[in-house]
């Protein structure tokens, strides 16, 4: 499975959650954090997809994805510990932890595997 297959939906989910938090509660932190990191992840996923289409790996995109997911895991994990609110802190921390593990696996195994050229 390629990183962009999960990164783009993950980024869009964060954007949606940030917008929801802003419109529902007026939370500018949700807007900045969710939309900001969501846009970064969506762009990184897009660049990874474009690199894959050129039969290349995009390690900078993969590293950015890993860093964003790890930061979200830490920040939202701390918020969950402080508030014990499963939504949104626990959910975002859990999803981000899974994504961090996935990205580390992709880095350890050499990124997106490029299919061999067929003649």
N, C-alpha and C. Protein backbone atom coordinates (compact mmCIF):
# COMPACT_ATOMS: atom_id res chain seq x y z
N UNK A 1 0.85 -1.17 0.00
CA UNK A 1 0.00 0.00 0.00
C UNK A 1 0.90 1.24 0.00
N UNK A 2 0.55 2.18 -0.80
CA UNK A 2 1.35 3.40 -0.95
C UNK A 2 0.92 4.44 0.08
N UNK A 3 1.87 5.28 0.47
CA UNK A 3 1.58 6.25 1.53
C UNK A 3 0.47 7.22 1.14
N UNK A 4 0.43 7.63 -0.11
CA UNK A 4 -0.57 8.62 -0.51
C UNK A 4 -1.99 8.07 -0.45
N UNK A 5 -2.14 6.74 -0.50
CA UNK A 5 -3.48 6.14 -0.41
C UNK A 5 -4.13 6.40 0.95
N UNK A 6 -3.31 6.56 1.98
CA UNK A 6 -3.82 6.87 3.32
C UNK A 6 -3.64 8.34 3.67
N UNK A 7 -2.60 8.97 3.15
CA UNK A 7 -2.29 10.34 3.56
C UNK A 7 -3.32 11.34 3.08
N UNK A 8 -3.75 11.23 1.85
CA UNK A 8 -4.72 12.20 1.34
C UNK A 8 -6.05 12.11 2.11
N UNK A 9 -6.63 10.92 2.33
CA UNK A 9 -7.85 10.86 3.15
C UNK A 9 -7.62 11.32 4.60
N UNK A 10 -6.47 11.00 5.16
CA UNK A 10 -6.12 11.42 6.53
C UNK A 10 -6.07 12.95 6.60
N UNK A 11 -5.43 13.57 5.62
CA UNK A 11 -5.37 15.03 5.58
C UNK A 11 -6.75 15.65 5.43
N UNK A 12 -7.57 15.08 4.55
CA UNK A 12 -8.92 15.60 4.35
C UNK A 12 -9.78 15.43 5.61
N UNK A 13 -9.58 14.32 6.33
CA UNK A 13 -10.29 14.11 7.58
C UNK A 13 -9.92 15.19 8.61
N UNK A 14 -8.63 15.51 8.68
CA UNK A 14 -8.18 16.55 9.60
C UNK A 14 -8.73 17.92 9.22
N UNK A 15 -8.75 18.21 7.92
CA UNK A 15 -9.31 19.48 7.45
C UNK A 15 -10.79 19.56 7.85
N UNK A 16 -11.53 18.48 7.59
CA UNK A 16 -12.94 18.45 7.95
C UNK A 16 -13.15 18.60 9.45
N UNK A 17 -12.33 17.94 10.25
CA UNK A 17 -12.44 18.04 11.70
C UNK A 17 -12.12 19.45 12.19
N UNK A 18 -11.11 20.08 11.59
CA UNK A 18 -10.77 21.45 11.97
C UNK A 18 -11.88 22.42 11.65
N UNK A 19 -12.47 22.27 10.47
CA UNK A 19 -13.59 23.13 10.08
C UNK A 19 -14.80 22.88 10.98
N UNK A 20 -15.07 21.63 11.28
CA UNK A 20 -16.19 21.28 12.15
C UNK A 20 -16.01 21.91 13.53
N UNK A 21 -14.80 21.77 14.09
CA UNK A 21 -14.52 22.35 15.40
C UNK A 21 -14.66 23.86 15.42
N UNK A 22 -14.26 24.49 14.32
CA UNK A 22 -14.37 25.94 14.24
C UNK A 22 -15.83 26.38 14.13
N UNK A 23 -16.58 25.76 13.24
CA UNK A 23 -17.97 26.17 13.04
C UNK A 23 -18.87 25.76 14.21
N UNK A 24 -18.56 24.67 14.85
CA UNK A 24 -19.39 24.19 15.97
C UNK A 24 -19.11 24.92 17.27
N UNK A 25 -17.82 25.11 17.59
CA UNK A 25 -17.44 25.69 18.87
C UNK A 25 -16.70 27.02 18.74
N UNK A 26 -16.42 27.45 17.52
CA UNK A 26 -15.67 28.69 17.33
C UNK A 26 -14.19 28.55 17.69
N UNK A 27 -13.68 27.33 17.64
CA UNK A 27 -12.30 27.04 18.05
C UNK A 27 -11.32 27.38 16.94
N UNK A 28 -10.57 28.47 17.16
CA UNK A 28 -9.54 28.83 16.18
C UNK A 28 -8.37 27.86 16.24
N UNK A 29 -8.16 27.20 17.40
CA UNK A 29 -7.11 26.18 17.50
C UNK A 29 -7.44 24.99 16.60
N UNK A 30 -8.71 24.60 16.57
CA UNK A 30 -9.13 23.52 15.67
C UNK A 30 -8.94 23.92 14.22
N UNK A 31 -9.29 25.15 13.93
CA UNK A 31 -9.16 25.65 12.56
C UNK A 31 -7.70 25.65 12.13
N UNK A 32 -6.85 26.24 12.95
CA UNK A 32 -5.42 26.34 12.61
C UNK A 32 -4.76 24.97 12.59
N UNK A 33 -4.98 24.19 13.64
CA UNK A 33 -4.33 22.88 13.74
C UNK A 33 -4.86 21.88 12.73
N UNK A 34 -6.17 21.71 12.71
CA UNK A 34 -6.76 20.72 11.81
C UNK A 34 -6.58 21.06 10.35
N UNK A 35 -6.91 22.30 9.99
CA UNK A 35 -6.81 22.70 8.59
C UNK A 35 -5.35 22.85 8.19
N UNK A 36 -4.53 23.43 9.07
CA UNK A 36 -3.11 23.63 8.74
C UNK A 36 -2.38 22.31 8.51
N UNK A 37 -2.47 21.42 9.48
CA UNK A 37 -1.77 20.13 9.34
C UNK A 37 -2.45 19.28 8.27
N UNK A 38 -3.77 19.38 8.17
CA UNK A 38 -4.48 18.63 7.14
C UNK A 38 -4.05 19.04 5.74
N UNK A 39 -3.88 20.35 5.53
CA UNK A 39 -3.39 20.83 4.22
C UNK A 39 -1.97 20.36 3.95
N UNK A 40 -1.11 20.43 4.97
CA UNK A 40 0.27 19.94 4.80
C UNK A 40 0.28 18.47 4.40
N UNK A 41 -0.52 17.68 5.09
CA UNK A 41 -0.56 16.24 4.79
C UNK A 41 -1.16 15.97 3.41
N UNK A 42 -2.20 16.69 3.05
CA UNK A 42 -2.81 16.50 1.74
C UNK A 42 -1.83 16.87 0.63
N UNK A 43 -1.12 17.96 0.82
CA UNK A 43 -0.10 18.36 -0.17
C UNK A 43 1.03 17.34 -0.24
N UNK A 44 1.48 16.86 0.92
CA UNK A 44 2.55 15.85 0.92
C UNK A 44 2.08 14.58 0.22
N UNK A 45 0.84 14.17 0.46
CA UNK A 45 0.29 13.01 -0.23
C UNK A 45 0.20 13.22 -1.72
N UNK A 46 -0.19 14.42 -2.13
CA UNK A 46 -0.27 14.75 -3.55
C UNK A 46 1.11 14.70 -4.21
N UNK A 47 2.12 15.27 -3.53
CA UNK A 47 3.48 15.23 -4.09
C UNK A 47 4.01 13.80 -4.15
N UNK A 48 3.66 12.99 -3.17
CA UNK A 48 4.07 11.59 -3.19
C UNK A 48 3.40 10.85 -4.35
N UNK A 49 2.12 11.14 -4.58
CA UNK A 49 1.40 10.54 -5.71
C UNK A 49 2.04 10.93 -7.03
N UNK A 50 2.36 12.20 -7.19
CA UNK A 50 2.98 12.68 -8.43
C UNK A 50 4.36 12.05 -8.63
N UNK A 51 5.12 11.90 -7.56
CA UNK A 51 6.42 11.24 -7.67
C UNK A 51 6.24 9.78 -8.08
N UNK A 52 5.25 9.11 -7.51
CA UNK A 52 4.97 7.72 -7.85
C UNK A 52 4.61 7.58 -9.33
N UNK A 53 3.83 8.54 -9.84
CA UNK A 53 3.46 8.52 -11.26
C UNK A 53 4.69 8.66 -12.15
N UNK A 54 5.74 9.33 -11.64
CA UNK A 54 7.00 9.47 -12.39
C UNK A 54 7.96 8.32 -12.09
N UNK A 55 7.46 7.29 -11.38
CA UNK A 55 8.25 6.11 -11.02
C UNK A 55 9.41 6.45 -10.08
N UNK A 56 9.15 7.37 -9.15
CA UNK A 56 10.15 7.77 -8.17
C UNK A 56 9.50 7.77 -6.79
N UNK A 57 10.36 7.78 -5.76
CA UNK A 57 9.91 7.93 -4.39
C UNK A 57 10.06 9.38 -3.98
N UNK A 58 9.21 9.83 -3.09
CA UNK A 58 9.31 11.18 -2.55
C UNK A 58 9.59 11.08 -1.06
N UNK A 59 10.87 10.96 -0.72
CA UNK A 59 11.24 10.85 0.69
C UNK A 59 10.95 12.12 1.48
N UNK A 60 11.13 13.33 0.90
CA UNK A 60 10.76 14.53 1.68
C UNK A 60 9.28 14.53 2.07
N UNK A 61 8.41 14.09 1.15
CA UNK A 61 6.98 14.02 1.47
C UNK A 61 6.73 12.99 2.57
N UNK A 62 7.39 11.86 2.48
CA UNK A 62 7.22 10.81 3.48
C UNK A 62 7.71 11.27 4.85
N UNK A 63 8.81 11.99 4.88
CA UNK A 63 9.32 12.50 6.16
C UNK A 63 8.37 13.55 6.73
N UNK A 64 7.85 14.45 5.88
CA UNK A 64 6.89 15.44 6.35
C UNK A 64 5.63 14.77 6.90
N UNK A 65 5.15 13.74 6.23
CA UNK A 65 3.98 13.01 6.70
C UNK A 65 4.25 12.39 8.07
N UNK A 66 5.43 11.80 8.23
CA UNK A 66 5.79 11.17 9.50
C UNK A 66 5.86 12.19 10.63
N UNK A 67 6.50 13.32 10.36
CA UNK A 67 6.64 14.35 11.39
C UNK A 67 5.28 14.91 11.79
N UNK A 68 4.43 15.20 10.83
CA UNK A 68 3.09 15.72 11.13
C UNK A 68 2.28 14.73 11.97
N UNK A 69 2.30 13.46 11.57
CA UNK A 69 1.54 12.44 12.30
C UNK A 69 2.09 12.25 13.71
N UNK A 70 3.42 12.28 13.86
CA UNK A 70 4.02 12.12 15.18
C UNK A 70 3.68 13.30 16.09
N UNK A 71 3.72 14.51 15.54
CA UNK A 71 3.36 15.69 16.33
C UNK A 71 1.90 15.62 16.77
N UNK A 72 1.02 15.25 15.85
CA UNK A 72 -0.40 15.13 16.20
C UNK A 72 -0.62 14.04 17.25
N UNK A 73 0.11 12.94 17.15
CA UNK A 73 0.00 11.88 18.15
C UNK A 73 0.37 12.42 19.52
N UNK A 74 1.48 13.14 19.59
CA UNK A 74 1.95 13.67 20.87
C UNK A 74 0.97 14.72 21.42
N UNK A 75 0.62 15.71 20.62
CA UNK A 75 -0.22 16.81 21.09
C UNK A 75 -1.61 16.32 21.49
N UNK A 76 -2.23 15.54 20.63
CA UNK A 76 -3.58 15.08 20.93
C UNK A 76 -3.57 14.00 22.02
N UNK A 77 -2.49 13.23 22.09
CA UNK A 77 -2.35 12.27 23.20
C UNK A 77 -2.27 12.98 24.53
N UNK A 78 -1.51 14.07 24.59
CA UNK A 78 -1.42 14.87 25.82
C UNK A 78 -2.78 15.47 26.17
N UNK A 79 -3.48 15.97 25.17
CA UNK A 79 -4.81 16.55 25.41
C UNK A 79 -5.78 15.48 25.92
N UNK A 80 -5.69 14.28 25.36
CA UNK A 80 -6.55 13.19 25.82
C UNK A 80 -6.25 12.83 27.28
N UNK A 81 -4.97 12.77 27.63
CA UNK A 81 -4.58 12.46 29.01
C UNK A 81 -5.10 13.52 29.96
N UNK A 82 -5.05 14.79 29.56
CA UNK A 82 -5.50 15.88 30.42
C UNK A 82 -7.02 15.94 30.55
N UNK A 83 -7.74 15.70 29.47
CA UNK A 83 -9.19 15.89 29.48
C UNK A 83 -9.99 14.59 29.54
N UNK A 84 -9.40 13.49 29.19
CA UNK A 84 -10.07 12.18 29.09
C UNK A 84 -11.24 12.20 28.10
N UNK A 85 -11.22 13.15 27.18
CA UNK A 85 -12.27 13.23 26.16
C UNK A 85 -11.82 12.42 24.94
N UNK A 86 -12.61 11.38 24.66
CA UNK A 86 -12.26 10.51 23.54
C UNK A 86 -12.41 11.22 22.21
N UNK A 87 -13.38 12.13 22.14
CA UNK A 87 -13.63 12.86 20.90
C UNK A 87 -13.32 14.33 21.12
N UNK A 88 -12.48 14.95 20.39
CA UNK A 88 -11.71 14.47 19.25
C UNK A 88 -10.31 14.00 19.61
N UNK A 89 -9.83 14.35 20.84
CA UNK A 89 -8.43 14.12 21.17
C UNK A 89 -8.02 12.65 21.08
N UNK A 90 -8.80 11.76 21.66
CA UNK A 90 -8.45 10.34 21.65
C UNK A 90 -8.48 9.75 20.26
N UNK A 91 -9.48 10.13 19.48
CA UNK A 91 -9.61 9.61 18.12
C UNK A 91 -8.44 10.09 17.25
N UNK A 92 -8.17 11.38 17.30
CA UNK A 92 -7.07 11.92 16.47
C UNK A 92 -5.73 11.35 16.92
N UNK A 93 -5.52 11.21 18.23
CA UNK A 93 -4.27 10.63 18.73
C UNK A 93 -4.12 9.18 18.26
N UNK A 94 -5.21 8.42 18.31
CA UNK A 94 -5.15 7.02 17.88
C UNK A 94 -4.88 6.87 16.39
N UNK A 95 -5.61 7.63 15.58
CA UNK A 95 -5.41 7.57 14.13
C UNK A 95 -4.01 8.05 13.78
N UNK A 96 -3.56 9.10 14.43
CA UNK A 96 -2.23 9.64 14.13
C UNK A 96 -1.13 8.67 14.55
N UNK A 97 -1.34 7.96 15.65
CA UNK A 97 -0.36 6.95 16.08
C UNK A 97 -0.26 5.83 15.04
N UNK A 98 -1.42 5.39 14.54
CA UNK A 98 -1.40 4.36 13.49
C UNK A 98 -0.70 4.86 12.23
N UNK A 99 -0.97 6.10 11.86
CA UNK A 99 -0.34 6.67 10.67
C UNK A 99 1.17 6.82 10.88
N UNK A 100 1.59 7.20 12.08
CA UNK A 100 3.03 7.32 12.36
C UNK A 100 3.72 5.98 12.19
N UNK A 101 3.12 4.92 12.71
CA UNK A 101 3.68 3.57 12.57
C UNK A 101 3.74 3.18 11.09
N UNK A 102 2.69 3.48 10.35
CA UNK A 102 2.65 3.17 8.92
C UNK A 102 3.77 3.91 8.17
N UNK A 103 3.93 5.21 8.46
CA UNK A 103 4.97 5.99 7.79
C UNK A 103 6.36 5.49 8.15
N UNK A 104 6.57 5.14 9.40
CA UNK A 104 7.89 4.60 9.80
C UNK A 104 8.16 3.28 9.08
N UNK A 105 7.13 2.46 8.93
CA UNK A 105 7.26 1.21 8.17
C UNK A 105 7.64 1.51 6.72
N UNK A 106 6.97 2.50 6.11
CA UNK A 106 7.28 2.86 4.72
C UNK A 106 8.72 3.34 4.59
N UNK A 107 9.19 4.14 5.54
CA UNK A 107 10.58 4.61 5.51
C UNK A 107 11.53 3.43 5.66
N UNK A 108 11.23 2.53 6.60
CA UNK A 108 12.11 1.38 6.86
C UNK A 108 12.18 0.42 5.68
N UNK A 109 11.10 0.34 4.91
CA UNK A 109 11.08 -0.61 3.79
C UNK A 109 11.40 0.04 2.44
N UNK A 110 11.83 1.30 2.47
CA UNK A 110 12.29 1.93 1.23
C UNK A 110 11.26 2.76 0.51
N UNK A 111 10.20 3.16 1.18
CA UNK A 111 9.20 4.03 0.54
C UNK A 111 8.22 3.25 -0.30
N UNK A 112 7.60 3.95 -1.24
CA UNK A 112 6.63 3.32 -2.14
C UNK A 112 7.37 2.42 -3.11
N UNK A 113 6.90 1.20 -3.23
CA UNK A 113 7.54 0.26 -4.14
C UNK A 113 7.06 0.53 -5.55
N UNK A 114 8.01 0.82 -6.41
CA UNK A 114 7.72 1.16 -7.78
C UNK A 114 7.60 -0.15 -8.57
N UNK A 115 6.49 -0.35 -9.29
CA UNK A 115 6.35 -1.59 -10.06
C UNK A 115 7.39 -1.69 -11.16
N UNK A 116 7.82 -2.90 -11.43
CA UNK A 116 8.80 -3.12 -12.49
C UNK A 116 8.19 -2.78 -13.85
N UNK A 117 9.02 -2.29 -14.73
CA UNK A 117 8.54 -1.95 -16.08
C UNK A 117 8.21 -3.22 -16.83
N UNK A 118 7.07 -3.20 -17.47
CA UNK A 118 6.67 -4.36 -18.29
C UNK A 118 6.88 -3.98 -19.76
N UNK A 119 7.28 -4.97 -20.51
CA UNK A 119 7.58 -4.73 -21.92
C UNK A 119 6.48 -5.24 -22.78
